Amino acid sequence: MGKCLAKRVAVDAVQWTGSNIEEMRRLLPEHQVAEGFAYEPGKPLLSRGSPDGTSYHEITVGEWVVRGPDGYVFDIPRDRFDVYFEGAVRASKPTRPRGGV
């Protein structure tokens, strides 16, 4: 088995604080905001629907939501984010990926 290095790519990322719903909306593709996310003020989590719309996943306060260069969005716990990503700016304003995704 050979060792490989992961390619370095720039991603957009936002850490869920429990109240930064507008940052999340700017990060996510429009169809996910409209169909896959639910937010209730006062609750410390954001529920994300699966791509097929059959299940939900809770993103707890402190977790990061990451959008890769291809538009794929995933969440990652804070401790793992710190291992795999660097240079995060907590007050970033992510941009939508090209192509309207």
N, C-alpha and C. Protein backbone atom coordinates (compact mmCIF):
# COMPACT_ATOMS: atom_id res chain seq x y z
N MET A 1 0.86 -1.17 0.00
CA MET A 1 0.00 0.00 0.00
C MET A 1 0.90 1.23 0.00
N GLY A 2 0.63 2.17 -0.90
CA GLY A 2 1.42 3.39 -0.98
C GLY A 2 0.77 4.53 -0.22
N LYS A 3 1.56 5.48 0.18
CA LYS A 3 1.05 6.67 0.86
C LYS A 3 0.77 7.75 -0.17
N CYS A 4 -0.26 8.52 0.06
CA CYS A 4 -0.64 9.61 -0.83
C CYS A 4 -0.89 10.86 0.00
N LEU A 5 -0.70 11.99 -0.62
CA LEU A 5 -1.04 13.26 0.00
C LEU A 5 -2.33 13.78 -0.60
N ALA A 6 -3.21 14.30 0.23
CA ALA A 6 -4.45 14.88 -0.26
C ALA A 6 -4.15 16.18 -0.99
N LYS A 7 -4.88 16.45 -2.05
CA LYS A 7 -4.73 17.71 -2.77
C LYS A 7 -5.27 18.85 -1.92
N ARG A 8 -4.61 19.97 -1.99
CA ARG A 8 -5.07 21.15 -1.27
C ARG A 8 -6.01 21.93 -2.18
N VAL A 9 -7.21 22.14 -1.71
CA VAL A 9 -8.18 22.94 -2.45
C VAL A 9 -8.81 23.95 -1.50
N ALA A 10 -9.22 25.07 -2.03
CA ALA A 10 -9.90 26.08 -1.24
C ALA A 10 -11.38 25.71 -1.12
N VAL A 11 -11.92 25.84 0.07
CA VAL A 11 -13.33 25.56 0.32
C VAL A 11 -13.93 26.76 1.04
N ASP A 12 -15.25 26.88 0.96
CA ASP A 12 -15.98 27.84 1.78
C ASP A 12 -16.47 27.09 3.01
N ALA A 13 -16.38 27.71 4.18
CA ALA A 13 -16.80 27.05 5.40
C ALA A 13 -17.39 28.07 6.37
N VAL A 14 -18.43 27.62 7.09
CA VAL A 14 -19.05 28.44 8.11
C VAL A 14 -19.27 27.56 9.33
N GLN A 15 -18.90 28.08 10.49
CA GLN A 15 -19.14 27.36 11.73
C GLN A 15 -20.52 27.75 12.25
N TRP A 16 -21.34 26.73 12.53
CA TRP A 16 -22.71 26.97 13.00
C TRP A 16 -22.65 27.44 14.45
N THR A 17 -23.20 28.64 14.71
CA THR A 17 -23.20 29.21 16.05
C THR A 17 -24.53 29.04 16.76
N GLY A 18 -25.53 28.59 16.02
CA GLY A 18 -26.87 28.48 16.58
C GLY A 18 -27.75 29.65 16.19
N SER A 19 -27.13 30.70 15.62
CA SER A 19 -27.92 31.86 15.25
C SER A 19 -27.51 32.48 13.91
N ASN A 20 -26.48 31.96 13.26
CA ASN A 20 -25.99 32.57 12.01
C ASN A 20 -26.63 31.94 10.77
N ILE A 21 -27.96 31.94 10.76
CA ILE A 21 -28.71 31.31 9.68
C ILE A 21 -28.46 32.02 8.35
N GLU A 22 -28.28 33.33 8.35
CA GLU A 22 -28.04 34.04 7.10
C GLU A 22 -26.70 33.64 6.48
N GLU A 23 -25.68 33.43 7.29
CA GLU A 23 -24.39 32.94 6.77
C GLU A 23 -24.57 31.57 6.13
N MET A 24 -25.35 30.71 6.77
CA MET A 24 -25.61 29.38 6.22
C MET A 24 -26.33 29.48 4.89
N ARG A 25 -27.30 30.37 4.80
CA ARG A 25 -28.04 30.52 3.55
C ARG A 25 -27.15 30.99 2.42
N ARG A 26 -26.16 31.85 2.72
CA ARG A 26 -25.23 32.31 1.69
C ARG A 26 -24.28 31.18 1.27
N LEU A 27 -23.98 30.26 2.18
CA LEU A 27 -23.06 29.17 1.88
C LEU A 27 -23.71 28.08 1.03
N LEU A 28 -24.97 27.81 1.29
CA LEU A 28 -25.63 26.65 0.70
C LEU A 28 -26.22 26.92 -0.67
N PRO A 29 -26.28 25.89 -1.50
CA PRO A 29 -26.98 26.03 -2.78
C PRO A 29 -28.45 26.37 -2.53
N GLU A 30 -29.04 27.12 -3.42
CA GLU A 30 -30.41 27.58 -3.23
C GLU A 30 -31.40 26.45 -3.03
N HIS A 31 -31.24 25.34 -3.75
CA HIS A 31 -32.22 24.26 -3.60
C HIS A 31 -32.13 23.63 -2.20
N GLN A 32 -30.96 23.62 -1.58
CA GLN A 32 -30.86 23.07 -0.23
C GLN A 32 -31.49 23.99 0.79
N VAL A 33 -31.34 25.28 0.61
CA VAL A 33 -31.96 26.22 1.54
C VAL A 33 -33.48 26.08 1.46
N ALA A 34 -34.00 26.00 0.24
CA ALA A 34 -35.45 25.93 0.03
C ALA A 34 -36.03 24.60 0.49
N GLU A 35 -35.31 23.50 0.27
CA GLU A 35 -35.90 22.19 0.50
C GLU A 35 -35.29 21.40 1.65
N GLY A 36 -34.01 21.66 1.96
CA GLY A 36 -33.35 20.75 2.88
C GLY A 36 -32.98 21.27 4.24
N PHE A 37 -33.19 22.54 4.53
CA PHE A 37 -32.79 23.07 5.81
C PHE A 37 -33.98 23.59 6.58
N ALA A 38 -33.97 23.36 7.87
CA ALA A 38 -35.02 23.87 8.74
C ALA A 38 -34.36 24.54 9.93
N TYR A 39 -34.87 25.69 10.31
CA TYR A 39 -34.30 26.43 11.42
C TYR A 39 -35.41 26.91 12.33
N GLU A 40 -35.24 26.65 13.61
CA GLU A 40 -36.20 27.14 14.59
C GLU A 40 -35.45 28.03 15.56
N PRO A 41 -35.81 29.30 15.63
CA PRO A 41 -35.13 30.21 16.55
C PRO A 41 -35.16 29.66 17.98
N GLY A 42 -34.05 29.81 18.65
CA GLY A 42 -33.95 29.35 20.03
C GLY A 42 -33.47 27.92 20.16
N LYS A 43 -33.40 27.18 19.06
CA LYS A 43 -32.90 25.80 19.11
C LYS A 43 -31.45 25.79 18.65
N PRO A 44 -30.60 25.05 19.32
CA PRO A 44 -29.16 25.09 19.02
C PRO A 44 -28.72 24.15 17.91
N LEU A 45 -29.55 23.91 16.92
CA LEU A 45 -29.14 23.05 15.82
C LEU A 45 -29.86 23.37 14.54
N LEU A 46 -29.26 22.91 13.48
CA LEU A 46 -29.82 23.13 12.15
C LEU A 46 -30.04 21.75 11.56
N SER A 47 -31.21 21.46 11.04
CA SER A 47 -31.50 20.15 10.48
C SER A 47 -31.32 20.19 8.98
N ARG A 48 -30.57 19.25 8.44
CA ARG A 48 -30.32 19.22 7.01
C ARG A 48 -30.91 17.95 6.43
N GLY A 49 -31.70 18.10 5.41
CA GLY A 49 -32.27 16.93 4.74
C GLY A 49 -31.21 16.23 3.91
N SER A 50 -31.33 14.93 3.78
CA SER A 50 -30.43 14.18 2.93
C SER A 50 -30.68 14.55 1.47
N PRO A 51 -29.72 14.26 0.59
CA PRO A 51 -29.92 14.61 -0.83
C PRO A 51 -31.21 14.05 -1.42
N ASP A 52 -31.63 12.87 -0.96
CA ASP A 52 -32.85 12.28 -1.51
C ASP A 52 -34.11 12.72 -0.76
N GLY A 53 -33.92 13.55 0.28
CA GLY A 53 -35.06 14.11 1.01
C GLY A 53 -35.74 13.15 1.96
N THR A 54 -35.10 12.02 2.30
CA THR A 54 -35.76 11.04 3.16
C THR A 54 -35.32 11.10 4.62
N SER A 55 -34.27 11.84 4.94
CA SER A 55 -33.82 11.88 6.32
C SER A 55 -33.24 13.25 6.67
N TYR A 56 -33.09 13.48 7.94
CA TYR A 56 -32.52 14.74 8.41
C TYR A 56 -31.31 14.47 9.29
N HIS A 57 -30.44 15.42 9.31
CA HIS A 57 -29.21 15.34 10.10
C HIS A 57 -29.11 16.62 10.90
N GLU A 58 -28.78 16.50 12.17
CA GLU A 58 -28.67 17.68 13.01
C GLU A 58 -27.24 18.18 13.05
N ILE A 59 -27.07 19.45 12.76
CA ILE A 59 -25.77 20.10 12.84
C ILE A 59 -25.76 20.86 14.15
N THR A 60 -24.92 20.44 15.07
CA THR A 60 -24.90 21.04 16.39
C THR A 60 -24.02 22.28 16.42
N VAL A 61 -24.23 23.10 17.40
CA VAL A 61 -23.44 24.31 17.57
C VAL A 61 -21.96 23.93 17.65
N GLY A 62 -21.14 24.64 16.88
CA GLY A 62 -19.70 24.37 16.87
C GLY A 62 -19.25 23.58 15.66
N GLU A 63 -20.17 22.83 15.02
CA GLU A 63 -19.80 22.09 13.81
C GLU A 63 -19.64 23.05 12.65
N TRP A 64 -18.86 22.62 11.67
CA TRP A 64 -18.62 23.42 10.46
C TRP A 64 -19.41 22.83 9.30
N VAL A 65 -19.91 23.69 8.44
CA VAL A 65 -20.52 23.27 7.18
C VAL A 65 -19.58 23.76 6.10
N VAL A 66 -19.16 22.83 5.23
CA VAL A 66 -18.13 23.08 4.23
C VAL A 66 -18.72 22.88 2.84
N ARG A 67 -18.37 23.77 1.92
CA ARG A 67 -18.73 23.62 0.51
C ARG A 67 -17.45 23.54 -0.30
N GLY A 68 -17.26 22.41 -0.99
CA GLY A 68 -16.08 22.20 -1.81
C GLY A 68 -16.18 22.93 -3.13
N PRO A 69 -15.10 22.91 -3.91
CA PRO A 69 -15.08 23.62 -5.18
C PRO A 69 -16.11 23.10 -6.18
N ASP A 70 -16.56 21.87 -6.01
CA ASP A 70 -17.56 21.29 -6.91
C ASP A 70 -18.99 21.55 -6.45
N GLY A 71 -19.15 22.28 -5.32
CA GLY A 71 -20.47 22.59 -4.80
C GLY A 71 -21.00 21.59 -3.80
N TYR A 72 -20.29 20.47 -3.59
CA TYR A 72 -20.72 19.46 -2.62
C TYR A 72 -20.64 20.05 -1.21
N VAL A 73 -21.69 19.89 -0.42
CA VAL A 73 -21.76 20.45 0.92
C VAL A 73 -21.79 19.31 1.94
N PHE A 74 -20.99 19.45 3.00
CA PHE A 74 -20.98 18.47 4.08
C PHE A 74 -20.68 19.17 5.39
N ASP A 75 -21.03 18.51 6.50
CA ASP A 75 -20.71 19.07 7.81
C ASP A 75 -19.62 18.23 8.45
N ILE A 76 -18.88 18.87 9.35
CA ILE A 76 -17.75 18.21 9.98
C ILE A 76 -17.62 18.75 11.40
N PRO A 77 -17.40 17.88 12.40
CA PRO A 77 -17.24 18.36 13.77
C PRO A 77 -16.02 19.27 13.91
N ARG A 78 -16.08 20.16 14.87
CA ARG A 78 -15.03 21.15 15.09
C ARG A 78 -13.64 20.52 15.22
N ASP A 79 -13.50 19.45 15.99
CA ASP A 79 -12.18 18.85 16.20
C ASP A 79 -11.61 18.27 14.90
N ARG A 80 -12.43 17.69 14.08
CA ARG A 80 -11.95 17.16 12.79
C ARG A 80 -11.66 18.27 11.80
N PHE A 81 -12.46 19.33 11.84
CA PHE A 81 -12.23 20.47 10.97
C PHE A 81 -10.83 21.03 11.23
N ASP A 82 -10.48 21.17 12.49
CA ASP A 82 -9.18 21.71 12.86
C ASP A 82 -8.02 20.84 12.39
N VAL A 83 -8.25 19.54 12.23
CA VAL A 83 -7.21 18.62 11.74
C VAL A 83 -7.03 18.76 10.23
N TYR A 84 -8.13 18.88 9.49
CA TYR A 84 -8.08 18.84 8.03
C TYR A 84 -8.04 20.20 7.33
N PHE A 85 -8.45 21.26 8.02
CA PHE A 85 -8.53 22.57 7.38
C PHE A 85 -7.73 23.59 8.17
N GLU A 86 -7.22 24.58 7.46
CA GLU A 86 -6.49 25.66 8.11
C GLU A 86 -6.91 26.99 7.50
N GLY A 87 -6.63 28.05 8.21
CA GLY A 87 -6.91 29.38 7.69
C GLY A 87 -8.37 29.78 7.74
N ALA A 88 -9.16 29.14 8.58
CA ALA A 88 -10.58 29.49 8.66
C ALA A 88 -10.76 30.86 9.27
N VAL A 89 -11.62 31.63 8.66
CA VAL A 89 -11.97 32.95 9.17
C VAL A 89 -13.39 32.85 9.70
N ARG A 90 -13.58 33.05 10.97
CA ARG A 90 -14.88 32.84 11.60
C ARG A 90 -15.97 33.77 11.05
N ALA A 91 -15.60 34.94 10.59
CA ALA A 91 -16.61 35.88 10.11
C ALA A 91 -16.62 35.98 8.59
N SER A 92 -16.34 34.87 7.93
CA SER A 92 -16.26 34.90 6.47
C SER A 92 -17.63 35.06 5.83
N LYS A 93 -17.62 35.59 4.61
CA LYS A 93 -18.83 35.69 3.81
C LYS A 93 -18.63 34.83 2.58
N PRO A 94 -19.09 33.57 2.60
CA PRO A 94 -18.88 32.68 1.47
C PRO A 94 -19.60 33.17 0.21
N THR A 95 -19.06 32.76 -0.90
CA THR A 95 -19.67 33.10 -2.18
C THR A 95 -20.30 31.87 -2.78
N ARG A 96 -21.29 32.08 -3.64
CA ARG A 96 -21.91 30.94 -4.32
C ARG A 96 -20.96 30.41 -5.37
N PRO A 97 -20.91 29.09 -5.57
CA PRO A 97 -20.05 28.54 -6.62
C PRO A 97 -20.53 28.98 -8.00
N ARG A 98 -19.65 28.95 -8.94
CA ARG A 98 -20.01 29.33 -10.32
C ARG A 98 -21.03 28.36 -10.88
N GLY A 99 -21.79 28.83 -11.84
CA GLY A 99 -22.78 27.96 -12.49
C GLY A 99 -24.12 27.97 -11.81
N GLY A 100 -24.29 28.80 -10.77
CA GLY A 100 -25.58 28.91 -10.10
C GLY A 100 -25.93 27.75 -9.22
N VAL A 101 -24.96 26.93 -8.84
CA VAL A 101 -25.25 25.80 -7.97
C VAL A 101 -25.36 26.26 -6.55
